[in-house]
């Protein structure tokens, strides 16, 4: 799993309408850890970022890598959208 950017983690969480506290609980980390990840602060292990990314992917977020033509992106699966209704 390639580690994604702080902005992508923040955007994925926002697409799901999830609070930092909600994401922290699901990823079994503290809310300040989520805040540090989303603001790209040092002191967070790659394993922790990967765990948070995995939680978001399980919830229906797809992280798209940067290419020559496009910047990194985030999108939400249709299946996860139908669960919100």
N, C-alpha and C. Protein backbone atom coordinates (compact mmCIF):
# COMPACT_ATOMS: atom_id res chain seq x y z
N UNK A 1 0.86 -1.18 0.00
CA UNK A 1 0.00 0.00 0.00
C UNK A 1 0.90 1.24 0.00
N UNK A 2 0.72 2.07 -0.99
CA UNK A 2 1.47 3.32 -1.05
C UNK A 2 0.86 4.32 -0.08
N UNK A 3 1.70 5.00 0.67
CA UNK A 3 1.20 5.98 1.62
C UNK A 3 0.72 7.21 0.87
N UNK A 4 -0.46 7.69 1.24
CA UNK A 4 -1.05 8.85 0.58
C UNK A 4 -0.75 10.12 1.36
N UNK A 5 -1.05 11.26 0.75
CA UNK A 5 -0.75 12.55 1.37
C UNK A 5 -1.72 12.90 2.49
N UNK A 6 -1.31 13.87 3.28
CA UNK A 6 -2.15 14.39 4.36
C UNK A 6 -3.46 14.93 3.80
N UNK A 7 -3.39 15.64 2.70
CA UNK A 7 -4.58 16.21 2.08
C UNK A 7 -5.55 15.14 1.59
N UNK A 8 -5.00 14.04 1.09
CA UNK A 8 -5.85 12.95 0.61
C UNK A 8 -6.57 12.27 1.77
N UNK A 9 -5.88 12.09 2.89
CA UNK A 9 -6.52 11.51 4.08
C UNK A 9 -7.66 12.43 4.53
N UNK A 10 -7.37 13.72 4.61
CA UNK A 10 -8.37 14.71 5.03
C UNK A 10 -9.56 14.72 4.08
N UNK A 11 -9.29 14.68 2.77
CA UNK A 11 -10.36 14.70 1.77
C UNK A 11 -11.20 13.43 1.83
N UNK A 12 -10.57 12.30 2.01
CA UNK A 12 -11.30 11.04 2.12
C UNK A 12 -12.23 11.03 3.32
N UNK A 13 -11.74 11.52 4.43
CA UNK A 13 -12.56 11.60 5.64
C UNK A 13 -13.74 12.53 5.41
N UNK A 14 -13.49 13.66 4.76
CA UNK A 14 -14.55 14.64 4.50
C UNK A 14 -15.62 14.06 3.56
N UNK A 15 -15.20 13.32 2.54
CA UNK A 15 -16.17 12.72 1.63
C UNK A 15 -17.13 11.79 2.36
N UNK A 16 -16.63 11.13 3.38
CA UNK A 16 -17.46 10.21 4.16
C UNK A 16 -18.28 10.91 5.23
N UNK A 17 -18.02 12.21 5.44
CA UNK A 17 -18.72 12.95 6.48
C UNK A 17 -18.33 12.47 7.87
N UNK A 18 -17.10 12.04 7.99
CA UNK A 18 -16.60 11.44 9.22
C UNK A 18 -15.77 12.48 10.00
N UNK A 19 -15.95 12.51 11.30
CA UNK A 19 -15.15 13.43 12.13
C UNK A 19 -13.77 12.81 12.38
N UNK A 20 -12.84 13.63 12.83
CA UNK A 20 -11.53 13.11 13.20
C UNK A 20 -11.66 12.09 14.32
N UNK A 21 -12.56 12.34 15.26
CA UNK A 21 -12.77 11.41 16.38
C UNK A 21 -13.31 10.07 15.88
N UNK A 22 -14.24 10.11 14.92
CA UNK A 22 -14.79 8.88 14.35
C UNK A 22 -13.69 8.05 13.68
N UNK A 23 -12.88 8.72 12.87
CA UNK A 23 -11.80 8.03 12.17
C UNK A 23 -10.79 7.48 13.16
N UNK A 24 -10.47 8.25 14.17
CA UNK A 24 -9.52 7.79 15.20
C UNK A 24 -10.03 6.52 15.87
N UNK A 25 -11.30 6.50 16.20
CA UNK A 25 -11.87 5.33 16.87
C UNK A 25 -11.79 4.10 15.96
N UNK A 26 -12.16 4.25 14.70
CA UNK A 26 -12.13 3.13 13.76
C UNK A 26 -10.71 2.62 13.52
N UNK A 27 -9.74 3.55 13.49
CA UNK A 27 -8.35 3.18 13.24
C UNK A 27 -7.60 2.80 14.51
N UNK A 28 -8.27 2.94 15.65
CA UNK A 28 -7.67 2.63 16.95
C UNK A 28 -6.41 3.46 17.23
N UNK A 29 -6.57 4.77 16.96
CA UNK A 29 -5.52 5.75 17.28
C UNK A 29 -6.20 6.93 17.97
N UNK A 30 -5.42 7.87 18.45
CA UNK A 30 -6.00 9.03 19.13
C UNK A 30 -6.42 10.10 18.11
N UNK A 31 -7.34 10.95 18.53
CA UNK A 31 -7.76 12.07 17.68
C UNK A 31 -6.58 12.99 17.36
N UNK A 32 -5.69 13.29 18.34
CA UNK A 32 -4.53 14.10 17.99
C UNK A 32 -3.64 13.45 16.92
N UNK A 33 -3.60 12.12 16.88
CA UNK A 33 -2.83 11.44 15.83
C UNK A 33 -3.44 11.70 14.47
N UNK A 34 -4.76 11.65 14.37
CA UNK A 34 -5.43 11.97 13.10
C UNK A 34 -5.12 13.41 12.71
N UNK A 35 -5.17 14.31 13.66
CA UNK A 35 -4.87 15.72 13.40
C UNK A 35 -3.44 15.87 12.88
N UNK A 36 -2.49 15.15 13.49
CA UNK A 36 -1.09 15.23 13.04
C UNK A 36 -0.95 14.68 11.62
N UNK A 37 -1.64 13.59 11.33
CA UNK A 37 -1.58 13.02 9.97
C UNK A 37 -2.13 14.02 8.96
N UNK A 38 -3.27 14.62 9.27
CA UNK A 38 -3.93 15.52 8.32
C UNK A 38 -3.21 16.85 8.14
N UNK A 39 -2.36 17.20 9.07
CA UNK A 39 -1.60 18.45 8.93
C UNK A 39 -0.14 18.17 8.58
N UNK A 40 0.13 16.90 8.24
CA UNK A 40 1.46 16.48 7.76
C UNK A 40 2.56 16.78 8.76
N UNK A 41 2.26 16.60 10.04
CA UNK A 41 3.27 16.80 11.07
C UNK A 41 4.10 15.53 11.23
N UNK A 42 5.29 15.70 11.73
CA UNK A 42 6.20 14.58 11.96
C UNK A 42 5.75 13.79 13.19
N UNK A 43 6.32 12.61 13.33
CA UNK A 43 6.07 11.83 14.53
C UNK A 43 4.97 10.79 14.40
N UNK A 44 4.48 10.56 13.18
CA UNK A 44 3.46 9.53 12.96
C UNK A 44 4.09 8.45 12.08
N UNK A 45 4.01 7.21 12.52
CA UNK A 45 4.65 6.13 11.77
C UNK A 45 3.91 5.84 10.46
N UNK A 46 4.64 5.29 9.52
CA UNK A 46 4.06 4.88 8.24
C UNK A 46 2.99 3.82 8.49
N UNK A 47 3.21 2.94 9.45
CA UNK A 47 2.24 1.90 9.78
C UNK A 47 0.91 2.51 10.22
N UNK A 48 0.98 3.58 11.02
CA UNK A 48 -0.24 4.24 11.49
C UNK A 48 -0.97 4.91 10.34
N UNK A 49 -0.25 5.60 9.48
CA UNK A 49 -0.88 6.24 8.31
C UNK A 49 -1.51 5.17 7.43
N UNK A 50 -0.83 4.05 7.24
CA UNK A 50 -1.39 2.97 6.43
C UNK A 50 -2.66 2.39 7.06
N UNK A 51 -2.69 2.31 8.38
CA UNK A 51 -3.89 1.80 9.06
C UNK A 51 -5.07 2.75 8.83
N UNK A 52 -4.82 4.05 8.95
CA UNK A 52 -5.86 5.06 8.73
C UNK A 52 -6.33 5.00 7.27
N UNK A 53 -5.39 4.90 6.36
CA UNK A 53 -5.74 4.78 4.94
C UNK A 53 -6.59 3.53 4.71
N UNK A 54 -6.24 2.44 5.33
CA UNK A 54 -7.00 1.20 5.18
C UNK A 54 -8.43 1.32 5.68
N UNK A 55 -8.62 2.03 6.79
CA UNK A 55 -9.96 2.26 7.32
C UNK A 55 -10.79 3.04 6.30
N UNK A 56 -10.21 4.08 5.72
CA UNK A 56 -10.93 4.89 4.73
C UNK A 56 -11.24 4.07 3.48
N UNK A 57 -10.31 3.25 3.05
CA UNK A 57 -10.55 2.42 1.87
C UNK A 57 -11.66 1.40 2.14
N UNK A 58 -11.67 0.83 3.31
CA UNK A 58 -12.72 -0.12 3.69
C UNK A 58 -14.09 0.57 3.70
N UNK A 59 -14.10 1.84 4.05
CA UNK A 59 -15.35 2.62 4.09
C UNK A 59 -15.79 3.10 2.70
N UNK A 60 -14.97 2.84 1.68
CA UNK A 60 -15.39 3.18 0.32
C UNK A 60 -14.62 4.28 -0.37
N UNK A 61 -13.48 4.67 0.20
CA UNK A 61 -12.67 5.71 -0.43
C UNK A 61 -11.60 5.06 -1.30
N UNK A 62 -11.41 5.62 -2.49
CA UNK A 62 -10.33 5.17 -3.37
C UNK A 62 -9.34 6.32 -3.52
N UNK A 63 -8.09 6.02 -3.26
CA UNK A 63 -7.02 7.00 -3.42
C UNK A 63 -6.36 6.75 -4.77
N UNK A 64 -6.31 7.79 -5.61
CA UNK A 64 -5.74 7.68 -6.94
C UNK A 64 -4.38 8.37 -6.95
N UNK A 65 -3.35 7.67 -7.38
CA UNK A 65 -2.00 8.25 -7.35
C UNK A 65 -1.82 9.36 -8.38
N UNK A 66 -0.84 10.19 -8.13
CA UNK A 66 -0.47 11.24 -9.07
C UNK A 66 0.11 10.60 -10.33
N UNK A 67 -0.22 11.18 -11.48
CA UNK A 67 0.33 10.72 -12.76
C UNK A 67 0.97 11.92 -13.44
N UNK A 68 1.50 11.70 -14.62
CA UNK A 68 2.07 12.82 -15.38
C UNK A 68 1.03 13.88 -15.68
N UNK A 69 -0.20 13.45 -15.88
CA UNK A 69 -1.26 14.35 -16.32
C UNK A 69 -2.12 14.89 -15.17
N UNK A 70 -2.28 14.10 -14.10
CA UNK A 70 -3.20 14.46 -13.03
C UNK A 70 -2.52 14.44 -11.67
N UNK A 71 -3.02 15.30 -10.78
CA UNK A 71 -2.54 15.28 -9.41
C UNK A 71 -3.21 14.13 -8.67
N UNK A 72 -2.72 13.85 -7.49
CA UNK A 72 -3.31 12.82 -6.64
C UNK A 72 -4.80 13.12 -6.45
N UNK A 73 -5.61 12.08 -6.34
CA UNK A 73 -7.04 12.30 -6.19
C UNK A 73 -7.67 11.34 -5.21
N UNK A 74 -8.90 11.66 -4.85
CA UNK A 74 -9.69 10.85 -3.91
C UNK A 74 -11.10 10.79 -4.47
N UNK A 75 -11.69 9.59 -4.43
CA UNK A 75 -13.09 9.49 -4.81
C UNK A 75 -13.77 8.46 -3.92
N UNK A 76 -15.10 8.56 -3.91
CA UNK A 76 -15.91 7.70 -3.06
C UNK A 76 -16.65 6.69 -3.92
N UNK A 77 -16.69 5.44 -3.49
CA UNK A 77 -17.40 4.42 -4.25
C UNK A 77 -18.90 4.66 -4.22
N UNK A 78 -19.57 4.24 -5.27
CA UNK A 78 -21.03 4.37 -5.32
C UNK A 78 -21.69 3.55 -4.22
N UNK A 79 -21.12 2.39 -3.91
CA UNK A 79 -21.68 1.54 -2.86
C UNK A 79 -21.70 2.25 -1.51
N UNK A 80 -20.63 2.98 -1.20
CA UNK A 80 -20.60 3.67 0.08
C UNK A 80 -21.56 4.87 0.09
N UNK A 81 -21.82 5.45 -1.07
CA UNK A 81 -22.79 6.54 -1.15
C UNK A 81 -24.20 6.04 -0.86
N UNK A 82 -24.53 4.86 -1.36
CA UNK A 82 -25.87 4.32 -1.14
C UNK A 82 -26.09 3.94 0.33
N UNK A 83 -25.04 3.66 1.07
CA UNK A 83 -25.15 3.34 2.49
C UNK A 83 -25.53 4.56 3.32
N UNK A 84 -25.23 5.77 2.81
CA UNK A 84 -25.53 7.01 3.53
C UNK A 84 -27.01 7.32 3.51
N UNK A 85 -27.72 6.86 2.50
CA UNK A 85 -29.13 7.24 2.31
C UNK A 85 -30.05 6.51 3.27
